Amino acid sequence: MMTTTFMTILAIVTTVIWIMVSTELTKSSKKDNNEKEKSRRKLIVLMSAGTLFTIPLVFSLIQNIQL
């Protein structure tokens, strides 16, 4: 089982990543095609990282609920 400190840090990092995804999505409608392609790549990376960081949080939450 992971420590509480590690899970707290992971939760904060995950929240920051998802906030960055949200802000990038709101900015993307105001860009031209070249900038939209860069934004799309950035979104893919951020969403992948956000998903990978969210999975351990979900498993930890499920384990704590079952106890």
Protein backbone atom coordinates (compact mmCIF):
# COMPACT_ATOMS: atom_id res chain seq x y z
CA MET A 1 0.00 0.00 0.00
CA MET A 2 1.32 3.45 -0.89
CA THR A 3 2.00 6.06 1.73
CA THR A 4 -0.41 8.88 2.36
CA THR A 5 2.21 11.52 1.55
CA PHE A 6 2.93 9.96 -1.83
CA MET A 7 -0.76 9.71 -2.65
CA THR A 8 -1.30 13.35 -1.66
CA ILE A 9 1.53 14.51 -3.92
CA LEU A 10 0.21 12.31 -6.73
CA ALA A 11 -3.28 13.77 -6.29
CA ILE A 12 -1.93 17.33 -6.47
CA VAL A 13 0.14 16.60 -9.58
CA THR A 14 -2.83 14.88 -11.23
CA THR A 15 -5.09 17.83 -10.45
CA VAL A 16 -2.58 20.25 -11.97
CA ILE A 17 -2.34 18.12 -15.12
CA TRP A 18 -6.12 18.04 -15.58
CA ILE A 19 -6.31 21.82 -15.02
CA MET A 20 -3.68 22.23 -17.75
CA VAL A 21 -5.80 20.03 -20.07
CA SER A 22 -8.82 22.19 -19.36
CA THR A 23 -7.01 25.47 -20.04
CA GLU A 24 -5.47 24.08 -23.23
CA LEU A 25 -8.91 23.05 -24.46
CA THR A 26 -10.31 26.54 -23.87
CA LYS A 27 -7.36 28.15 -25.68
CA SER A 28 -7.46 25.81 -28.69
CA SER A 29 -10.53 27.37 -30.29
CA LYS A 30 -8.73 30.70 -30.78
CA LYS A 31 -5.71 29.38 -32.74
CA ASP A 32 -4.86 28.90 -36.41
CA ASN A 33 -4.25 25.48 -37.99
CA ASN A 34 -0.49 25.23 -37.27
CA GLU A 35 -0.96 26.17 -33.64
CA LYS A 36 -3.94 23.79 -33.36
CA GLU A 37 -1.72 20.88 -34.41
CA LYS A 38 0.82 21.73 -31.68
CA SER A 39 -2.02 22.13 -29.21
CA ARG A 40 -3.45 18.75 -30.22
CA ARG A 41 -0.09 17.06 -29.55
CA LYS A 42 0.20 18.81 -26.20
CA LEU A 43 -3.33 17.69 -25.29
CA ILE A 44 -2.52 14.07 -26.15
CA VAL A 45 0.55 14.12 -23.90
CA LEU A 46 -1.27 15.85 -21.04
CA MET A 47 -4.30 13.56 -21.23
CA SER A 48 -2.09 10.46 -21.33
CA ALA A 49 -0.16 11.65 -18.29
CA GLY A 50 -3.36 12.59 -16.49
CA THR A 51 -4.86 9.18 -17.15
CA LEU A 52 -1.72 7.33 -16.05
CA PHE A 53 -1.54 9.37 -12.84
CA THR A 54 -5.25 8.95 -12.11
CA ILE A 55 -5.22 5.14 -12.29
CA PRO A 56 -3.14 4.60 -9.09
CA LEU A 57 -5.35 7.10 -7.27
CA VAL A 58 -8.48 5.20 -8.24
CA PHE A 59 -6.99 1.84 -7.19
CA SER A 60 -5.88 3.30 -3.87
CA LEU A 61 -9.33 4.74 -3.26
CA ILE A 62 -10.98 1.40 -4.05
CA GLN A 63 -8.62 -0.42 -1.70
CA ASN A 64 -9.34 2.05 1.11
CA ILE A 65 -13.10 1.74 0.61
CA GLN A 66 -13.00 -2.06 0.83
CA LEU A 67 -11.14 -2.04 4.16
